[in-house]
Protein backbone atom coordinates (compact mmCIF):
# COMPACT_ATOMS: atom_id res chain seq x y z
CA MET A 1 6.66 -7.39 -37.04
CA SER A 2 3.21 -6.28 -35.98
CA ILE A 3 1.86 -6.77 -32.39
CA ARG A 4 -1.28 -8.84 -32.92
CA VAL A 5 -4.12 -7.94 -30.68
CA VAL A 6 -7.68 -9.32 -29.78
CA VAL A 7 -10.09 -7.10 -28.22
CA ALA A 8 -12.87 -8.55 -25.95
CA ASP A 9 -15.54 -6.56 -24.42
CA ASP A 10 -19.41 -7.05 -24.41
CA GLN A 11 -19.94 -3.28 -25.21
CA GLU A 12 -19.52 -2.64 -28.87
CA LEU A 13 -18.58 0.96 -28.68
CA VAL A 14 -15.83 0.11 -26.14
CA ARG A 15 -14.45 -2.59 -28.63
CA SER A 16 -14.51 -0.65 -31.80
CA GLY A 17 -13.09 2.47 -30.04
CA PHE A 18 -10.10 0.55 -28.78
CA SER A 19 -9.65 -1.16 -32.02
CA MET A 20 -9.67 2.05 -34.04
CA ILE A 21 -6.95 3.65 -31.70
CA LEU A 22 -4.79 0.38 -32.02
CA GLU A 23 -5.15 -0.03 -35.76
CA ALA A 24 -3.97 3.49 -36.20
CA GLN A 25 -0.57 2.29 -35.07
CA PRO A 26 1.85 1.05 -37.79
CA ASP A 27 3.15 -1.65 -35.37
CA ILE A 28 -0.15 -2.98 -34.07
CA ASP A 29 -2.83 -5.30 -36.06
CA VAL A 30 -6.23 -5.86 -34.32
CA VAL A 31 -6.89 -9.53 -35.61
CA ALA A 32 -10.22 -10.10 -33.97
CA GLU A 33 -12.84 -8.70 -31.64
CA ALA A 34 -15.19 -10.74 -29.28
CA GLY A 35 -18.22 -9.90 -27.26
CA ASP A 36 -17.95 -12.35 -24.58
CA GLY A 37 -15.52 -14.72 -22.91
CA VAL A 38 -16.21 -17.81 -25.06
CA ALA A 39 -15.65 -15.85 -28.25
CA ALA A 40 -12.55 -14.48 -26.86
CA VAL A 41 -10.90 -17.74 -26.03
CA ALA A 42 -11.87 -19.02 -29.41
CA ALA A 43 -10.38 -15.97 -31.00
CA VAL A 44 -7.20 -16.56 -29.20
CA GLN A 45 -7.08 -20.16 -30.21
CA ARG A 46 -7.72 -19.15 -33.92
CA HIS A 47 -5.63 -16.17 -34.33
CA THR A 48 -2.67 -16.72 -31.75
CA PRO A 49 -2.37 -12.84 -30.82
CA ASP A 50 0.37 -11.54 -28.71
CA VAL A 51 -2.03 -9.65 -26.47
CA LEU A 52 -5.69 -10.05 -25.43
CA LEU A 53 -7.55 -7.10 -24.05
CA LEU A 54 -10.17 -8.68 -21.88
CA ASP A 55 -13.16 -7.16 -20.24
CA ILE A 56 -13.88 -8.73 -16.73
CA ARG A 57 -17.82 -8.83 -16.86
CA MET A 58 -19.08 -10.40 -19.87
CA PRO A 59 -21.88 -12.84 -20.94
CA ARG A 60 -21.62 -16.70 -21.35
CA MET A 61 -18.12 -16.88 -19.81
CA ASP A 62 -16.61 -13.93 -17.71
CA GLY A 63 -13.28 -12.43 -18.33
CA LEU A 64 -11.66 -14.23 -15.18
CA GLU A 65 -12.39 -17.70 -16.41
CA ALA A 66 -11.47 -16.49 -20.09
CA ALA A 67 -8.13 -15.24 -18.79
CA ARG A 68 -7.46 -18.77 -16.94
CA LEU A 69 -8.06 -20.56 -19.94
CA VAL A 70 -6.06 -18.31 -22.19
CA CYS A 71 -3.10 -18.09 -19.86
CA ALA A 72 -3.05 -21.87 -19.25
CA GLN A 73 -3.28 -22.78 -23.00
CA SER A 74 -1.12 -19.99 -24.82
CA ALA A 75 1.64 -17.64 -24.56
CA CYS A 76 -0.72 -14.72 -25.09
CA ARG A 77 -0.43 -11.92 -22.77
CA VAL A 78 -3.76 -10.86 -20.99
CA VAL A 79 -4.67 -7.38 -19.95
CA MET A 80 -8.02 -7.06 -18.07
CA LEU A 81 -10.22 -4.00 -18.74
CA THR A 82 -12.12 -2.67 -15.89
CA THR A 83 -14.17 0.44 -14.88
CA PHE A 84 -12.68 0.64 -11.26
CA ASP A 85 -8.85 0.21 -10.41
CA LEU A 86 -9.86 -1.85 -7.28
CA ASP A 87 -12.12 -4.11 -8.94
CA GLU A 88 -12.15 -7.36 -6.80
CA TYR A 89 -11.85 -9.55 -9.67
CA VAL A 90 -8.57 -7.91 -10.76
CA TYR A 91 -6.97 -9.66 -7.95
CA GLU A 92 -8.13 -13.04 -9.28
CA ALA A 93 -7.18 -12.30 -12.72
CA LEU A 94 -3.53 -11.50 -11.62
CA TYR A 95 -3.47 -15.00 -10.12
CA ALA A 96 -5.03 -16.47 -13.09
CA GLY A 97 -1.87 -14.92 -15.05
CA ALA A 98 -2.93 -11.72 -16.47
CA SER A 99 -0.13 -9.31 -16.95
CA GLY A 100 -2.07 -6.28 -15.60
CA PHE A 101 -5.00 -4.25 -16.07
CA LEU A 102 -6.47 -1.05 -17.85
CA LEU A 103 -9.16 1.29 -16.91
CA LYS A 104 -11.86 1.66 -19.74
CA ASP A 105 -11.40 5.44 -19.67
CA VAL A 106 -7.44 4.90 -20.25
CA ARG A 107 -5.95 7.83 -22.34
CA ARG A 108 -5.21 7.05 -26.16
CA ASP A 109 -1.50 7.25 -25.84
CA ASP A 110 -1.43 5.13 -22.55
CA LEU A 111 -3.42 2.30 -24.32
CA VAL A 112 -0.99 2.02 -27.22
CA HIS A 113 1.89 2.19 -24.84
CA ALA A 114 0.38 -0.38 -22.65
CA VAL A 115 -0.14 -2.86 -25.61
CA ARG A 116 3.52 -2.43 -26.65
CA VAL A 117 4.77 -2.90 -23.08
CA VAL A 118 2.94 -6.13 -22.36
CA ALA A 119 3.66 -7.53 -25.91
CA ALA A 120 7.53 -6.94 -24.91
CA GLY A 121 6.92 -9.18 -21.85
CA ASP A 122 6.52 -6.60 -19.03
CA SER A 123 3.74 -6.18 -16.73
CA LEU A 124 1.29 -3.29 -16.69
CA LEU A 125 1.01 -2.19 -13.30
CA ALA A 126 2.50 0.96 -11.65
CA PRO A 127 4.68 0.01 -8.78
CA SER A 128 2.56 1.54 -6.12
CA VAL A 129 -0.68 -0.12 -7.42
CA THR A 130 1.33 -3.36 -7.80
CA ARG A 131 2.20 -3.34 -4.11
CA ARG A 132 -1.30 -2.28 -3.00
CA LEU A 133 -3.13 -5.26 -4.99
CA VAL A 134 -0.74 -7.87 -3.97
CA ALA A 135 -0.70 -6.94 -0.14
CA ASP A 136 -4.39 -7.13 -0.37
CA ILE A 137 -4.43 -10.38 -2.18
CA ILE A 138 -1.96 -11.97 0.31
CA GLN A 139 -3.84 -10.38 3.36
CA ARG A 140 -7.16 -11.69 2.21
CA ARG A 141 -6.04 -15.18 1.01
CA ARG A 142 -3.18 -16.15 3.14
CA ALA A 143 -4.36 -14.83 6.55
CA GLY A 144 -3.19 -17.09 9.38
CA SER A 145 -1.03 -19.21 7.33
CA ALA A 146 2.90 -19.12 7.43
CA PRO A 147 4.95 -18.12 4.42
CA SER A 148 7.35 -20.38 3.09
CA SER A 149 10.64 -19.42 1.22
CA ALA A 150 11.55 -23.02 0.28
CA ARG A 151 10.55 -22.27 -3.33
CA LEU A 152 13.21 -19.81 -3.57
CA ASP A 153 16.15 -22.06 -2.86
CA VAL A 154 16.80 -22.42 -6.47
CA LEU A 155 17.60 -18.65 -6.62
CA THR A 156 21.14 -17.38 -6.00
CA ALA A 157 21.55 -14.55 -3.48
CA ARG A 158 21.63 -11.83 -6.04
CA GLU A 159 18.67 -13.03 -7.90
CA GLU A 160 16.62 -13.31 -4.54
CA GLU A 161 17.71 -9.73 -3.69
CA THR A 162 16.57 -8.68 -7.23
CA LEU A 163 13.15 -10.28 -6.56
CA ARG A 164 12.82 -8.54 -3.29
CA LEU A 165 13.64 -5.12 -4.86
CA LEU A 166 11.33 -5.91 -7.97
CA ALA A 167 8.54 -6.68 -5.42
CA ARG A 168 9.04 -3.25 -3.69
CA GLY A 169 8.11 -1.60 -7.04
CA LEU A 170 11.60 -0.66 -8.17
CA SER A 171 12.16 -0.37 -11.94
CA ASN A 172 15.13 -2.17 -13.67
CA ALA A 173 17.12 1.15 -13.74
CA GLU A 174 16.54 1.48 -9.97
CA ILE A 175 17.34 -2.06 -9.13
CA ALA A 176 20.71 -1.54 -11.05
CA ARG A 177 21.64 1.65 -9.04
CA THR A 178 20.65 -0.03 -5.70
CA LEU A 179 22.79 -3.14 -6.42
CA PHE A 180 25.63 -1.14 -8.15
CA VAL A 181 25.37 -3.18 -11.31
CA SER A 182 24.42 -2.41 -14.96
CA GLU A 183 20.68 -2.40 -16.10
CA HIS A 184 21.52 -5.38 -18.59
CA THR A 185 22.64 -7.51 -15.47
CA VAL A 186 19.46 -6.60 -13.73
CA LYS A 187 17.42 -7.83 -16.86
CA THR A 188 19.45 -10.95 -16.74
CA HIS A 189 18.67 -11.56 -12.99
CA VAL A 190 14.99 -10.94 -13.62
CA SER A 191 14.94 -13.20 -16.51
CA ASN A 192 16.62 -15.94 -14.41
CA VAL A 193 14.13 -15.41 -11.56
CA LEU A 194 11.27 -15.74 -13.82
CA SER A 195 12.70 -19.01 -15.54
CA LYS A 196 13.67 -20.77 -12.37
CA LEU A 197 10.31 -20.08 -10.60
CA GLY A 198 8.13 -20.93 -13.73
CA LEU A 199 6.64 -17.40 -13.62
CA ARG A 200 5.04 -15.54 -16.74
CA ASP A 201 6.06 -11.87 -15.78
CA ARG A 202 6.93 -9.36 -13.25
CA VAL A 203 3.54 -9.33 -11.74
CA GLN A 204 3.59 -12.95 -10.90
CA ALA A 205 7.12 -12.49 -9.51
CA VAL A 206 5.69 -10.04 -7.20
CA ILE A 207 2.80 -12.24 -6.05
CA CYS A 208 5.61 -14.88 -5.46
CA ALA A 209 7.61 -12.75 -3.39
CA TYR A 210 4.47 -12.02 -1.14
CA GLU A 211 3.57 -15.43 -0.80
CA SER A 212 7.03 -16.68 0.09
CA GLY A 213 7.55 -13.97 2.69
CA VAL A 214 10.66 -12.26 0.87
CA VAL A 215 8.34 -9.07 1.10
CA THR A 216 5.53 -8.62 3.47
CA PRO A 217 2.39 -6.32 2.89
CA GLY A 218 3.19 -2.93 4.14
CA SER A 219 7.00 -3.26 4.06
CA ASN A 220 9.11 -0.71 2.10
């Protein structure tokens, strides 16, 4: 079954370029394009895609507000498109529920891989980037407030440890080696963490770990 994608960017050349690359793949179908946030939200409602590639700065409605609406109203995975990897709005987009971001000069193969990864339910941030982004979010937004781990009471000890390792940027394979369990077991733990905490994906799990104090900015 094909991965259904909507591409939203106010630059027509960017939209058409991304669409051409994705349409060339046998397992990806670009079902719509949009030139602004309002059109992007409408396209998601109409076509129910698996993935939305969403520019941050657009007319009528910016990508941040569009991401909030899409993540709140559908199961569509949102990937933000940006020119700079430290764009301040990327932080807000992650809080809104976006599964990650891509630079607009992304390589062809990386674009295709990104769509497949996100459609499969994973996040789209390299571990080092995840830690840097989340650390900055927590430092800027929660400075002076004491973290609370009460929310994590629903997790087993092994699930909490899995969350801690995930937040440090470890892959499932690396977590498996650290805990001396199979990768399948780790996937089960990650799935349980997301389900119990009501989180969409690994990006939100990492943010939760920082907010709860399980991991602190700058820790290894």
